[in-house]
Amino acid sequence: MIDAAQIKEHANVVGSDGEHVGTVDHVNNGEIKLTKKDPAAGGLHHFIPVDFVQSIEGNTVKLDRPAEEVKREWSTS
C-alpha cells in the first residue's frame, strides 16, 4: 500500500499507459484532488482514490489503470 504522505503537491499524475491524467492539488480523506488549472481538467477539480496509485517515482504519481479509465471513474465532487 502507498503512503499518501509521499504524494506531493504539483506532482504529475499518469495512468499505467504513461498518459497524463492531471496534477496533484492535494490529498485529503483518501482522495487525490487534481488541480483545475491543468489542461486535462477542463476547469474542474477532479478526485481520484489514493487506492488507484501503483507507485510514486520522484515527482510522478503512477496509477494502476490507463488514463482513459481513470477519467471515466474520477469524480468532480
N, C-alpha and C. Protein backbone atom coordinates (compact mmCIF):
# COMPACT_ATOMS: atom_id res chain seq x y z
N MET A 1 0.85 -1.19 0.00
CA MET A 1 0.00 0.00 0.00
C MET A 1 0.88 1.25 0.00
N ILE A 2 0.45 2.26 -0.71
CA ILE A 2 1.18 3.52 -0.85
C ILE A 2 0.93 4.40 0.36
N ASP A 3 1.97 5.09 0.80
CA ASP A 3 1.84 6.09 1.87
C ASP A 3 1.41 7.40 1.21
N ALA A 4 0.18 7.81 1.45
CA ALA A 4 -0.37 9.02 0.82
C ALA A 4 0.46 10.26 1.13
N ALA A 5 1.20 10.25 2.23
CA ALA A 5 2.05 11.40 2.59
C ALA A 5 3.19 11.59 1.59
N GLN A 6 3.48 10.57 0.79
CA GLN A 6 4.53 10.68 -0.22
C GLN A 6 4.06 11.41 -1.48
N ILE A 7 2.76 11.59 -1.61
CA ILE A 7 2.21 12.27 -2.78
C ILE A 7 2.32 13.77 -2.56
N LYS A 8 3.11 14.42 -3.39
CA LYS A 8 3.41 15.84 -3.21
C LYS A 8 2.55 16.73 -4.09
N GLU A 9 2.27 17.92 -3.57
CA GLU A 9 1.55 18.94 -4.32
C GLU A 9 2.28 19.22 -5.63
N HIS A 10 1.55 19.38 -6.69
CA HIS A 10 2.03 19.69 -8.04
C HIS A 10 2.72 18.52 -8.73
N ALA A 11 2.63 17.31 -8.15
CA ALA A 11 3.18 16.12 -8.81
C ALA A 11 2.35 15.80 -10.05
N ASN A 12 3.00 15.25 -11.04
CA ASN A 12 2.35 14.82 -12.27
C ASN A 12 1.68 13.47 -12.01
N VAL A 13 0.45 13.30 -12.49
CA VAL A 13 -0.27 12.04 -12.32
C VAL A 13 -0.45 11.42 -13.70
N VAL A 14 0.00 10.16 -13.84
CA VAL A 14 -0.10 9.47 -15.13
C VAL A 14 -0.78 8.13 -14.94
N GLY A 15 -1.44 7.68 -16.00
CA GLY A 15 -2.06 6.36 -15.99
C GLY A 15 -1.01 5.28 -16.18
N SER A 16 -1.41 4.02 -16.10
CA SER A 16 -0.49 2.90 -16.29
C SER A 16 0.07 2.88 -17.70
N ASP A 17 -0.59 3.57 -18.62
CA ASP A 17 -0.13 3.68 -20.01
C ASP A 17 0.82 4.85 -20.21
N GLY A 18 1.14 5.58 -19.13
CA GLY A 18 2.05 6.72 -19.22
C GLY A 18 1.39 8.01 -19.66
N GLU A 19 0.09 7.98 -19.94
CA GLU A 19 -0.62 9.17 -20.39
C GLU A 19 -0.97 10.07 -19.20
N HIS A 20 -0.86 11.38 -19.44
CA HIS A 20 -1.14 12.38 -18.41
C HIS A 20 -2.60 12.34 -17.97
N VAL A 21 -2.81 12.35 -16.65
CA VAL A 21 -4.16 12.39 -16.08
C VAL A 21 -4.42 13.76 -15.45
N GLY A 22 -3.42 14.31 -14.75
CA GLY A 22 -3.61 15.59 -14.09
C GLY A 22 -2.42 15.95 -13.23
N THR A 23 -2.62 16.98 -12.41
CA THR A 23 -1.60 17.49 -11.50
C THR A 23 -2.20 17.53 -10.10
N VAL A 24 -1.44 17.04 -9.12
CA VAL A 24 -1.93 16.98 -7.74
C VAL A 24 -2.12 18.38 -7.17
N ASP A 25 -3.30 18.64 -6.62
CA ASP A 25 -3.56 19.83 -5.83
C ASP A 25 -3.21 19.49 -4.39
N HIS A 26 -3.89 18.47 -3.84
CA HIS A 26 -3.55 17.95 -2.51
C HIS A 26 -4.25 16.60 -2.29
N VAL A 27 -3.90 15.96 -1.19
CA VAL A 27 -4.50 14.68 -0.82
C VAL A 27 -5.28 14.89 0.47
N ASN A 28 -6.53 14.36 0.49
CA ASN A 28 -7.37 14.51 1.67
C ASN A 28 -8.38 13.37 1.71
N ASN A 29 -8.58 12.79 2.87
CA ASN A 29 -9.60 11.75 3.08
C ASN A 29 -9.51 10.61 2.06
N GLY A 30 -8.29 10.17 1.76
CA GLY A 30 -8.11 9.03 0.87
C GLY A 30 -8.31 9.33 -0.60
N GLU A 31 -8.36 10.62 -0.96
CA GLU A 31 -8.53 11.00 -2.36
C GLU A 31 -7.45 12.01 -2.77
N ILE A 32 -7.06 11.90 -4.03
CA ILE A 32 -6.15 12.88 -4.62
C ILE A 32 -7.03 13.89 -5.35
N LYS A 33 -6.89 15.14 -4.96
CA LYS A 33 -7.60 16.23 -5.64
C LYS A 33 -6.66 16.77 -6.70
N LEU A 34 -7.12 16.80 -7.94
CA LEU A 34 -6.32 17.31 -9.05
C LEU A 34 -6.64 18.78 -9.28
N THR A 35 -5.62 19.53 -9.69
CA THR A 35 -5.82 20.96 -9.93
C THR A 35 -6.77 21.20 -11.09
N LYS A 36 -7.54 22.25 -10.98
CA LYS A 36 -8.47 22.58 -12.06
C LYS A 36 -7.78 23.38 -13.16
N LYS A 37 -6.57 23.87 -12.90
CA LYS A 37 -5.84 24.66 -13.90
C LYS A 37 -5.09 23.78 -14.90
N ASP A 38 -5.01 22.47 -14.62
CA ASP A 38 -4.35 21.55 -15.54
C ASP A 38 -5.15 21.48 -16.85
N PRO A 39 -4.48 21.48 -18.00
CA PRO A 39 -5.20 21.42 -19.28
C PRO A 39 -6.15 20.22 -19.39
N ALA A 40 -5.84 19.10 -18.73
CA ALA A 40 -6.69 17.91 -18.80
C ALA A 40 -7.94 18.02 -17.93
N ALA A 41 -8.00 19.04 -17.08
CA ALA A 41 -9.08 19.14 -16.09
C ALA A 41 -10.35 19.82 -16.60
N GLY A 42 -10.27 20.54 -17.68
CA GLY A 42 -11.45 21.22 -18.20
C GLY A 42 -12.01 22.26 -17.24
N GLY A 43 -11.14 22.84 -16.40
CA GLY A 43 -11.58 23.88 -15.47
C GLY A 43 -12.24 23.38 -14.21
N LEU A 44 -12.21 22.06 -13.97
CA LEU A 44 -12.84 21.47 -12.78
C LEU A 44 -11.81 20.72 -11.95
N HIS A 45 -12.04 20.70 -10.63
CA HIS A 45 -11.26 19.82 -9.77
C HIS A 45 -11.80 18.40 -9.97
N HIS A 46 -10.90 17.43 -10.06
CA HIS A 46 -11.29 16.03 -10.15
C HIS A 46 -10.66 15.29 -8.97
N PHE A 47 -11.32 14.24 -8.53
CA PHE A 47 -10.86 13.45 -7.39
C PHE A 47 -10.69 12.01 -7.80
N ILE A 48 -9.55 11.42 -7.42
CA ILE A 48 -9.33 10.01 -7.66
C ILE A 48 -8.88 9.35 -6.36
N PRO A 49 -9.29 8.11 -6.13
CA PRO A 49 -8.91 7.43 -4.89
C PRO A 49 -7.40 7.18 -4.82
N VAL A 50 -6.84 7.32 -3.64
CA VAL A 50 -5.43 7.01 -3.42
C VAL A 50 -5.20 5.53 -3.76
N ASP A 51 -6.22 4.70 -3.63
CA ASP A 51 -6.12 3.27 -3.94
C ASP A 51 -5.72 3.01 -5.40
N PHE A 52 -5.91 3.98 -6.29
CA PHE A 52 -5.52 3.84 -7.69
C PHE A 52 -4.01 3.93 -7.88
N VAL A 53 -3.29 4.44 -6.89
CA VAL A 53 -1.85 4.69 -7.03
C VAL A 53 -1.08 3.37 -7.00
N GLN A 54 -0.28 3.18 -8.03
CA GLN A 54 0.57 1.99 -8.12
C GLN A 54 1.95 2.30 -7.55
N SER A 55 2.50 3.48 -7.90
CA SER A 55 3.82 3.84 -7.42
C SER A 55 4.01 5.35 -7.47
N ILE A 56 5.01 5.80 -6.74
CA ILE A 56 5.40 7.21 -6.74
C ILE A 56 6.88 7.23 -7.05
N GLU A 57 7.22 7.87 -8.15
CA GLU A 57 8.61 7.93 -8.60
C GLU A 57 8.98 9.39 -8.80
N GLY A 58 9.77 9.93 -7.86
CA GLY A 58 10.13 11.34 -7.94
C GLY A 58 8.90 12.21 -7.84
N ASN A 59 8.66 13.01 -8.87
CA ASN A 59 7.52 13.92 -8.89
C ASN A 59 6.39 13.39 -9.78
N THR A 60 6.34 12.06 -9.93
CA THR A 60 5.30 11.44 -10.75
C THR A 60 4.55 10.38 -9.96
N VAL A 61 3.22 10.49 -10.00
CA VAL A 61 2.35 9.50 -9.37
C VAL A 61 1.82 8.63 -10.49
N LYS A 62 2.16 7.33 -10.45
CA LYS A 62 1.71 6.40 -11.49
C LYS A 62 0.53 5.60 -10.96
N LEU A 63 -0.55 5.56 -11.75
CA LEU A 63 -1.77 4.86 -11.36
C LEU A 63 -1.79 3.44 -11.90
N ASP A 64 -2.68 2.63 -11.36
CA ASP A 64 -2.74 1.21 -11.71
C ASP A 64 -3.67 0.90 -12.88
N ARG A 65 -4.16 1.93 -13.56
CA ARG A 65 -5.05 1.74 -14.70
C ARG A 65 -4.78 2.82 -15.74
N PRO A 66 -5.15 2.59 -16.99
CA PRO A 66 -4.90 3.57 -18.05
C PRO A 66 -5.63 4.89 -17.81
N ALA A 67 -5.08 5.96 -18.35
CA ALA A 67 -5.62 7.31 -18.16
C ALA A 67 -7.09 7.41 -18.54
N GLU A 68 -7.50 6.83 -19.65
CA GLU A 68 -8.90 6.93 -20.07
C GLU A 68 -9.84 6.27 -19.06
N GLU A 69 -9.41 5.17 -18.48
CA GLU A 69 -10.24 4.50 -17.47
C GLU A 69 -10.36 5.38 -16.21
N VAL A 70 -9.25 5.99 -15.81
CA VAL A 70 -9.26 6.89 -14.64
C VAL A 70 -10.24 8.03 -14.90
N LYS A 71 -10.20 8.60 -16.09
CA LYS A 71 -11.08 9.73 -16.39
C LYS A 71 -12.55 9.34 -16.43
N ARG A 72 -12.84 8.09 -16.71
CA ARG A 72 -14.23 7.61 -16.66
C ARG A 72 -14.69 7.44 -15.22
N GLU A 73 -13.74 7.18 -14.31
CA GLU A 73 -14.08 6.87 -12.94
C GLU A 73 -13.90 8.02 -11.95
N TRP A 74 -13.19 9.08 -12.34
CA TRP A 74 -12.97 10.17 -11.38
C TRP A 74 -14.25 10.90 -11.08
N SER A 75 -14.27 11.63 -9.98
CA SER A 75 -15.45 12.41 -9.61
C SER A 75 -15.09 13.88 -9.56
N THR A 76 -16.10 14.71 -9.58
CA THR A 76 -15.89 16.17 -9.52
C THR A 76 -16.45 16.76 -8.24
N SER A 77 -16.85 15.91 -7.29
CA SER A 77 -17.39 16.46 -6.04
C SER A 77 -16.87 15.68 -4.86
